[in-house]
Amino acid sequence: MEDINVQLLDMDAKIPEQLVKNADSSYTIFINARLSRETQLKSYYHALRHILENDFSKFDIQQIEKEAHTKLTDGGLKP
């Protein structure tokens, strides 16, 4: 698995997480520190699913998000 860094940051309440692929091919997941612990975990697993599904090489953001949410609710990665 790739190197993954996780940072808790105070972000706008509308943003649960942000995922960045770094220049060295590692990833950084920024989790909103204002969220509940449960929502932070859900956000982490959501971002992790994007990494595992290699979503940075895909182009249709709507399909990427649809698949990520479906897998989370249908037995994919979840807390």
PDB file of N, CA and C in Angstrom:
ATOM      1  N   MET A   1       0.845  -1.182   0.000  1.00  0.00           N
ATOM      2  CA  MET A   1       0.000   0.000   0.000  1.00  0.00           C
ATOM      3  C   MET A   1       0.889   1.243   0.000  1.00  0.00           C
ATOM      4  N   GLU A   2       0.365   2.308  -0.571  1.00  0.00           N
ATOM      5  CA  GLU A   2       1.070   3.568  -0.650  1.00  0.00           C
ATOM      6  C   GLU A   2       1.222   4.194   0.735  1.00  0.00           C
ATOM      7  N   ASP A   3       2.156   5.128   0.839  1.00  0.00           N
ATOM      8  CA  ASP A   3       2.288   5.895   2.079  1.00  0.00           C
ATOM      9  C   ASP A   3       1.115   6.852   2.183  1.00  0.00           C
ATOM     10  N   ILE A   4       0.481   6.863   3.351  1.00  0.00           N
ATOM     11  CA  ILE A   4      -0.673   7.718   3.576  1.00  0.00           C
ATOM     12  C   ILE A   4      -0.452   8.518   4.847  1.00  0.00           C
ATOM     13  N   ASN A   5      -0.531   9.827   4.722  1.00  0.00           N
ATOM     14  CA  ASN A   5      -0.437  10.732   5.860  1.00  0.00           C
ATOM     15  C   ASN A   5      -1.834  11.248   6.160  1.00  0.00           C
ATOM     16  N   VAL A   6      -2.158  11.377   7.438  1.00  0.00           N
ATOM     17  CA  VAL A   6      -3.470  11.883   7.826  1.00  0.00           C
ATOM     18  C   VAL A   6      -3.271  13.089   8.735  1.00  0.00           C
ATOM     19  N   GLN A   7      -3.993  14.155   8.426  1.00  0.00           N
ATOM     20  CA  GLN A   7      -3.921  15.382   9.205  1.00  0.00           C
ATOM     21  C   GLN A   7      -5.324  15.818   9.603  1.00  0.00           C
ATOM     22  N   LEU A   8      -5.496  16.195  10.862  1.00  0.00           N
ATOM     23  CA  LEU A   8      -6.757  16.798  11.307  1.00  0.00           C
ATOM     24  C   LEU A   8      -6.610  18.305  11.206  1.00  0.00           C
ATOM     25  N   LEU A   9      -7.538  18.942  10.517  1.00  0.00           N
ATOM     26  CA  LEU A   9      -7.498  20.394  10.327  1.00  0.00           C
ATOM     27  C   LEU A   9      -8.877  20.983  10.575  1.00  0.00           C
ATOM     28  N   ASP A  10      -8.904  22.202  11.092  1.00  0.00           N
ATOM     29  CA  ASP A  10     -10.161  22.947  11.154  1.00  0.00           C
ATOM     30  C   ASP A  10     -10.481  23.422   9.744  1.00  0.00           C
ATOM     31  N   MET A  11     -11.570  22.918   9.204  1.00  0.00           N
ATOM     32  CA  MET A  11     -11.979  23.289   7.846  1.00  0.00           C
ATOM     33  C   MET A  11     -13.428  23.738   7.882  1.00  0.00           C
ATOM     34  N   ASP A  12     -13.871  24.314   6.790  1.00  0.00           N
ATOM     35  CA  ASP A  12     -15.273  24.675   6.639  1.00  0.00           C
ATOM     36  C   ASP A  12     -16.125  23.451   6.946  1.00  0.00           C
ATOM     37  N   ALA A  13     -17.208  23.631   7.654  1.00  0.00           N
ATOM     38  CA  ALA A  13     -18.059  22.519   8.077  1.00  0.00           C
ATOM     39  C   ALA A  13     -18.614  21.715   6.901  1.00  0.00           C
ATOM     40  N   LYS A  14     -18.655  22.303   5.712  1.00  0.00           N
ATOM     41  CA  LYS A  14     -19.185  21.609   4.534  1.00  0.00           C
ATOM     42  C   LYS A  14     -18.187  20.619   3.931  1.00  0.00           C
ATOM     43  N   ILE A  15     -16.943  20.659   4.382  1.00  0.00           N
ATOM     44  CA  ILE A  15     -15.897  19.812   3.811  1.00  0.00           C
ATOM     45  C   ILE A  15     -15.507  18.740   4.825  1.00  0.00           C
ATOM     46  N   PRO A  16     -15.929  17.489   4.601  1.00  0.00           N
ATOM     47  CA  PRO A  16     -15.578  16.443   5.566  1.00  0.00           C
ATOM     48  C   PRO A  16     -14.120  16.008   5.469  1.00  0.00           C
ATOM     49  N   GLU A  17     -13.603  15.913   4.244  1.00  0.00           N
ATOM     50  CA  GLU A  17     -12.209  15.537   4.055  1.00  0.00           C
ATOM     51  C   GLU A  17     -11.727  16.027   2.710  1.00  0.00           C
ATOM     52  N   GLN A  18     -10.403  16.026   2.569  1.00  0.00           N
ATOM     53  CA  GLN A  18      -9.796  16.338   1.284  1.00  0.00           C
ATOM     54  C   GLN A  18      -8.643  15.374   1.104  1.00  0.00           C
ATOM     55  N   LEU A  19      -8.504  14.839  -0.086  1.00  0.00           N
ATOM     56  CA  LEU A  19      -7.459  13.872  -0.395  1.00  0.00           C
ATOM     57  C   LEU A  19      -6.540  14.460  -1.449  1.00  0.00           C
ATOM     58  N   VAL A  20      -5.231  14.375  -1.194  1.00  0.00           N
ATOM     59  CA  VAL A  20      -4.243  14.921  -2.114  1.00  0.00           C
ATOM     60  C   VAL A  20      -3.221  13.836  -2.439  1.00  0.00           C
ATOM     61  N   LYS A  21      -2.914  13.679  -3.720  1.00  0.00           N
ATOM     62  CA  LYS A  21      -1.805  12.809  -4.120  1.00  0.00           C
ATOM     63  C   LYS A  21      -0.580  13.700  -4.222  1.00  0.00           C
ATOM     64  N   ASN A  22       0.443  13.366  -3.454  1.00  0.00           N
ATOM     65  CA  ASN A  22       1.651  14.177  -3.384  1.00  0.00           C
ATOM     66  C   ASN A  22       2.617  13.851  -4.521  1.00  0.00           C
ATOM     67  N   ALA A  23       3.593  14.717  -4.737  1.00  0.00           N
ATOM     68  CA  ALA A  23       4.561  14.559  -5.824  1.00  0.00           C
ATOM     69  C   ALA A  23       5.349  13.255  -5.714  1.00  0.00           C
ATOM     70  N   ASP A  24       5.531  12.742  -4.501  1.00  0.00           N
ATOM     71  CA  ASP A  24       6.282  11.493  -4.307  1.00  0.00           C
ATOM     72  C   ASP A  24       5.380  10.257  -4.366  1.00  0.00           C
ATOM     73  N   SER A  25       4.150  10.429  -4.850  1.00  0.00           N
ATOM     74  CA  SER A  25       3.143   9.365  -4.983  1.00  0.00           C
ATOM     75  C   SER A  25       2.552   8.896  -3.659  1.00  0.00           C
ATOM     76  N   SER A  26       2.881   9.572  -2.571  1.00  0.00           N
ATOM     77  CA  SER A  26       2.199   9.305  -1.308  1.00  0.00           C
ATOM     78  C   SER A  26       0.885  10.090  -1.325  1.00  0.00           C
ATOM     79  N   TYR A  27       0.070   9.874  -0.305  1.00  0.00           N
ATOM     80  CA  TYR A  27      -1.211  10.583  -0.207  1.00  0.00           C
ATOM     81  C   TYR A  27      -1.310  11.281   1.141  1.00  0.00           C
ATOM     82  N   THR A  28      -2.028  12.381   1.157  1.00  0.00           N
ATOM     83  CA  THR A  28      -2.365  13.044   2.403  1.00  0.00           C
ATOM     84  C   THR A  28      -3.871  13.188   2.456  1.00  0.00           C
ATOM     85  N   ILE A  29      -4.438  12.708   3.571  1.00  0.00           N
ATOM     86  CA  ILE A  29      -5.866  12.845   3.815  1.00  0.00           C
ATOM     87  C   ILE A  29      -6.023  13.914   4.891  1.00  0.00           C
ATOM     88  N   PHE A  30      -6.707  14.981   4.546  1.00  0.00           N
ATOM     89  CA  PHE A  30      -7.027  16.029   5.511  1.00  0.00           C
ATOM     90  C   PHE A  30      -8.447  15.776   6.010  1.00  0.00           C
ATOM     91  N   ILE A  31      -8.591  15.560   7.305  1.00  0.00           N
ATOM     92  CA  ILE A  31      -9.884  15.279   7.920  1.00  0.00           C
ATOM     93  C   ILE A  31     -10.322  16.516   8.701  1.00  0.00           C
ATOM     94  N   ASN A  32     -11.584  16.870   8.580  1.00  0.00           N
ATOM     95  CA  ASN A  32     -12.111  18.043   9.271  1.00  0.00           C
ATOM     96  C   ASN A  32     -12.195  17.775  10.778  1.00  0.00           C
ATOM     97  N   ALA A  33     -11.432  18.525  11.554  1.00  0.00           N
ATOM     98  CA  ALA A  33     -11.384  18.348  13.011  1.00  0.00           C
ATOM     99  C   ALA A  33     -12.690  18.757  13.682  1.00  0.00           C
ATOM    100  N   ARG A  34     -13.534  19.488  12.992  1.00  0.00           N
ATOM    101  CA  ARG A  34     -14.808  19.942  13.567  1.00  0.00           C
ATOM    102  C   ARG A  34     -15.887  18.856  13.560  1.00  0.00           C
ATOM    103  N   LEU A  35     -15.641  17.777  12.872  1.00  0.00           N
ATOM    104  CA  LEU A  35     -16.627  16.710  12.756  1.00  0.00           C
ATOM    105  C   LEU A  35     -16.583  15.785  13.962  1.00  0.00           C
ATOM    106  N   SER A  36     -17.664  15.041  14.170  1.00  0.00           N
ATOM    107  CA  SER A  36     -17.681  14.038  15.233  1.00  0.00           C
ATOM    108  C   SER A  36     -16.674  12.942  14.890  1.00  0.00           C
ATOM    109  N   ARG A  37     -16.267  12.199  15.878  1.00  0.00           N
ATOM    110  CA  ARG A  37     -15.319  11.097  15.668  1.00  0.00           C
ATOM    111  C   ARG A  37     -15.879  10.101  14.635  1.00  0.00           C
ATOM    112  N   GLU A  38     -17.156   9.785  14.729  1.00  0.00           N
ATOM    113  CA  GLU A  38     -17.787   8.854  13.792  1.00  0.00           C
ATOM    114  C   GLU A  38     -17.725   9.379  12.360  1.00  0.00           C
ATOM    115  N   THR A  39     -18.021  10.649  12.176  1.00  0.00           N
ATOM    116  CA  THR A  39     -17.986  11.241  10.840  1.00  0.00           C
ATOM    117  C   THR A  39     -16.551  11.346  10.333  1.00  0.00           C
ATOM    118  N   GLN A  40     -15.612  11.611  11.232  1.00  0.00           N
ATOM    119  CA  GLN A  40     -14.199  11.621  10.835  1.00  0.00           C
ATOM    120  C   GLN A  40     -13.779  10.251  10.309  1.00  0.00           C
ATOM    121  N   LEU A  41     -14.187   9.185  10.995  1.00  0.00           N
ATOM    122  CA  LEU A  41     -13.853   7.832  10.537  1.00  0.00           C
ATOM    123  C   LEU A  41     -14.489   7.527   9.185  1.00  0.00           C
ATOM    124  N   LYS A  42     -15.739   7.905   9.014  1.00  0.00           N
ATOM    125  CA  LYS A  42     -16.406   7.692   7.726  1.00  0.00           C
ATOM    126  C   LYS A  42     -15.672   8.449   6.620  1.00  0.00           C
ATOM    127  N   SER A  43     -15.242   9.658   6.927  1.00  0.00           N
ATOM    128  CA  SER A  43     -14.516  10.469   5.954  1.00  0.00           C
ATOM    129  C   SER A  43     -13.172   9.838   5.608  1.00  0.00           C
ATOM    130  N   TYR A  44     -12.494   9.306   6.614  1.00  0.00           N
ATOM    131  CA  TYR A  44     -11.217   8.626   6.393  1.00  0.00           C
ATOM    132  C   TYR A  44     -11.409   7.423   5.470  1.00  0.00           C
ATOM    133  N   TYR A  45     -12.398   6.585   5.753  1.00  0.00           N
ATOM    134  CA  TYR A  45     -12.639   5.413   4.930  1.00  0.00           C
ATOM    135  C   TYR A  45     -13.078   5.784   3.518  1.00  0.00           C
ATOM    136  N   HIS A  46     -13.798   6.882   3.401  1.00  0.00           N
ATOM    137  CA  HIS A  46     -14.189   7.368   2.074  1.00  0.00           C
ATOM    138  C   HIS A  46     -12.933   7.718   1.267  1.00  0.00           C
ATOM    139  N   ALA A  47     -12.025   8.461   1.870  1.00  0.00           N
ATOM    140  CA  ALA A  47     -10.787   8.847   1.182  1.00  0.00           C
ATOM    141  C   ALA A  47      -9.930   7.620   0.884  1.00  0.00           C
ATOM    142  N   LEU A  48      -9.851   6.696   1.830  1.00  0.00           N
ATOM    143  CA  LEU A  48      -9.067   5.479   1.632  1.00  0.00           C
ATOM    144  C   LEU A  48      -9.609   4.670   0.456  1.00  0.00           C
ATOM    145  N   ARG A  49     -10.917   4.617   0.313  1.00  0.00           N
ATOM    146  CA  ARG A  49     -11.520   3.914  -0.822  1.00  0.00           C
ATOM    147  C   ARG A  49     -11.054   4.524  -2.137  1.00  0.00           C
ATOM    148  N   HIS A  50     -10.963   5.859  -2.202  1.00  0.00           N
ATOM    149  CA  HIS A  50     -10.479   6.513  -3.423  1.00  0.00           C
ATOM    150  C   HIS A  50      -9.052   6.080  -3.745  1.00  0.00           C
ATOM    151  N   ILE A  51      -8.227   5.939  -2.721  1.00  0.00           N
ATOM    152  CA  ILE A  51      -6.843   5.501  -2.935  1.00  0.00           C
ATOM    153  C   ILE A  51      -6.829   4.061  -3.441  1.00  0.00           C
ATOM    154  N   LEU A  52      -7.546   3.182  -2.758  1.00  0.00           N
ATOM    155  CA  LEU A  52      -7.550   1.764  -3.114  1.00  0.00           C
ATOM    156  C   LEU A  52      -8.125   1.506  -4.503  1.00  0.00           C
ATOM    157  N   GLU A  53      -9.065   2.338  -4.916  1.00  0.00           N
ATOM    158  CA  GLU A  53      -9.685   2.187  -6.237  1.00  0.00           C
ATOM    159  C   GLU A  53      -8.910   2.928  -7.327  1.00  0.00           C
ATOM    160  N   ASN A  54      -7.772   3.528  -6.962  1.00  0.00           N
ATOM    161  CA  ASN A  54      -6.925   4.243  -7.920  1.00  0.00           C
ATOM    162  C   ASN A  54      -7.706   5.334  -8.661  1.00  0.00           C
ATOM    163  N   ASP A  55      -8.519   6.057  -7.910  1.00  0.00           N
ATOM    164  CA  ASP A  55      -9.406   7.054  -8.518  1.00  0.00           C
ATOM    165  C   ASP A  55      -8.684   8.253  -9.110  1.00  0.00           C
ATOM    166  N   PHE A  56      -7.428   8.472  -8.750  1.00  0.00           N
ATOM    167  CA  PHE A  56      -6.709   9.603  -9.331  1.00  0.00           C
ATOM    168  C   PHE A  56      -6.388   9.380 -10.810  1.00  0.00           C
ATOM    169  N   SER A  57      -6.541   8.143 -11.284  1.00  0.00           N
ATOM    170  CA  SER A  57      -6.293   7.871 -12.695  1.00  0.00           C
ATOM    171  C   SER A  57      -7.585   7.873 -13.517  1.00  0.00           C
ATOM    172  N   LYS A  58      -8.716   8.143 -12.867  1.00  0.00           N
ATOM    173  CA  LYS A  58     -10.015   8.162 -13.542  1.00  0.00           C
ATOM    174  C   LYS A  58     -10.437   9.595 -13.843  1.00  0.00           C
ATOM    175  N   PHE A  59     -11.439   9.735 -14.709  1.00  0.00           N
ATOM    176  CA  PHE A  59     -11.817  11.072 -15.165  1.00  0.00           C
ATOM    177  C   PHE A  59     -13.239  11.501 -14.814  1.00  0.00           C
ATOM    178  N   ASP A  60     -14.156  10.576 -14.613  1.00  0.00           N
ATOM    179  CA  ASP A  60     -15.562  10.910 -14.372  1.00  0.00           C
ATOM    180  C   ASP A  60     -15.825  11.025 -12.872  1.00  0.00           C
ATOM    181  N   ILE A  61     -15.746  12.226 -12.329  1.00  0.00           N
ATOM    182  CA  ILE A  61     -15.873  12.451 -10.891  1.00  0.00           C
ATOM    183  C   ILE A  61     -17.226  11.999 -10.355  1.00  0.00           C
ATOM    184  N   GLN A  62     -18.273  12.176 -11.128  1.00  0.00           N
ATOM    185  CA  GLN A  62     -19.598  11.758 -10.682  1.00  0.00           C
ATOM    186  C   GLN A  62     -19.648  10.241 -10.490  1.00  0.00           C
ATOM    187  N   GLN A  63     -19.086   9.500 -11.417  1.00  0.00           N
ATOM    188  CA  GLN A  63     -19.061   8.036 -11.323  1.00  0.00           C
ATOM    189  C   GLN A  63     -18.149   7.588 -10.183  1.00  0.00           C
ATOM    190  N   ILE A  64     -17.023   8.246 -10.008  1.00  0.00           N
ATOM    191  CA  ILE A  64     -16.093   7.919  -8.922  1.00  0.00           C
ATOM    192  C   ILE A  64     -16.804   8.038  -7.584  1.00  0.00           C
ATOM    193  N   GLU A  65     -17.487   9.165  -7.365  1.00  0.00           N
ATOM    194  CA  GLU A  65     -18.172   9.389  -6.088  1.00  0.00           C
ATOM    195  C   GLU A  65     -19.339   8.411  -5.907  1.00  0.00           C
ATOM    196  N   LYS A  66     -20.057   8.138  -6.973  1.00  0.00           N
ATOM    197  CA  LYS A  66     -21.167   7.188  -6.887  1.00  0.00           C
ATOM    198  C   LYS A  66     -20.653   5.817  -6.454  1.00  0.00           C
ATOM    199  N   GLU A  67     -19.578   5.354  -7.069  1.00  0.00           N
ATOM    200  CA  GLU A  67     -19.001   4.056  -6.724  1.00  0.00           C
ATOM    201  C   GLU A  67     -18.457   4.048  -5.296  1.00  0.00           C
ATOM    202  N   ALA A  68     -17.800   5.123  -4.886  1.00  0.00           N
ATOM    203  CA  ALA A  68     -17.234   5.188  -3.535  1.00  0.00           C
ATOM    204  C   ALA A  68     -18.326   5.125  -2.482  1.00  0.00           C
ATOM    205  N   HIS A  69     -19.409   5.838  -2.683  1.00  0.00           N
ATOM    206  CA  HIS A  69     -20.505   5.828  -1.711  1.00  0.00           C
ATOM    207  C   HIS A  69     -21.243   4.495  -1.719  1.00  0.00           C
ATOM    208  N   THR A  70     -21.399   3.886  -2.883  1.00  0.00           N
ATOM    209  CA  THR A  70     -22.068   2.592  -2.969  1.00  0.00           C
ATOM    210  C   THR A  70     -21.262   1.520  -2.245  1.00  0.00           C
ATOM    211  N   LYS A  71     -19.972   1.504  -2.424  1.00  0.00           N
ATOM    212  CA  LYS A  71     -19.119   0.493  -1.795  1.00  0.00           C
ATOM    213  C   LYS A  71     -19.079   0.678  -0.287  1.00  0.00           C
ATOM    214  N   LEU A  72     -19.140   1.909   0.173  1.00  0.00           N
ATOM    215  CA  LEU A  72     -19.133   2.149   1.615  1.00  0.00           C
ATOM    216  C   LEU A  72     -20.400   1.623   2.264  1.00  0.00           C
ATOM    217  N   THR A  73     -21.513   1.742   1.590  1.00  0.00           N
ATOM    218  CA  THR A  73     -22.786   1.337   2.182  1.00  0.00           C
ATOM    219  C   THR A  73     -23.131  -0.120   1.883  1.00  0.00           C
ATOM    220  N   ASP A  74     -22.476  -0.727   0.914  1.00  0.00           N
ATOM    221  CA  ASP A  74     -22.796  -2.109   0.546  1.00  0.00           C
ATOM    222  C   ASP A  74     -21.718  -3.100   0.954  1.00  0.00           C
ATOM    223  N   GLY A  75     -21.061  -2.860   2.078  1.00  0.00           N
ATOM    224  CA  GLY A  75     -20.121  -3.843   2.592  1.00  0.00           C
ATOM    225  C   GLY A  75     -18.669  -3.599   2.223  1.00  0.00           C
ATOM    226  N   GLY A  76     -18.358  -2.463   1.634  1.00  0.00           N
ATOM    227  CA  GLY A  76     -16.971  -2.146   1.357  1.00  0.00           C
ATOM    228  C   GLY A  76     -16.292  -1.710   2.640  1.00  0.00           C
ATOM    229  N   LEU A  77     -15.227  -0.979   2.514  1.00  0.00           N
ATOM    230  CA  LEU A  77     -14.520  -0.478   3.703  1.00  0.00           C
ATOM    231  C   LEU A  77     -15.449   0.376   4.538  1.00  0.00           C
ATOM    232  N   LYS A  78     -15.503   0.131   5.796  1.00  0.00           N
ATOM    233  CA  LYS A  78     -16.287   0.956   6.696  1.00  0.00           C
ATOM    234  C   LYS A  78     -15.763   0.770   8.112  1.00  0.00           C
ATOM    235  N   PRO A  79     -16.004   1.746   8.968  1.00  0.00           N
ATOM    236  CA  PRO A  79     -15.507   1.646  10.334  1.00  0.00           C
ATOM    237  C   PRO A  79     -16.207   0.551  11.100  1.00  0.00           C
TER     238      PRO A  79
END
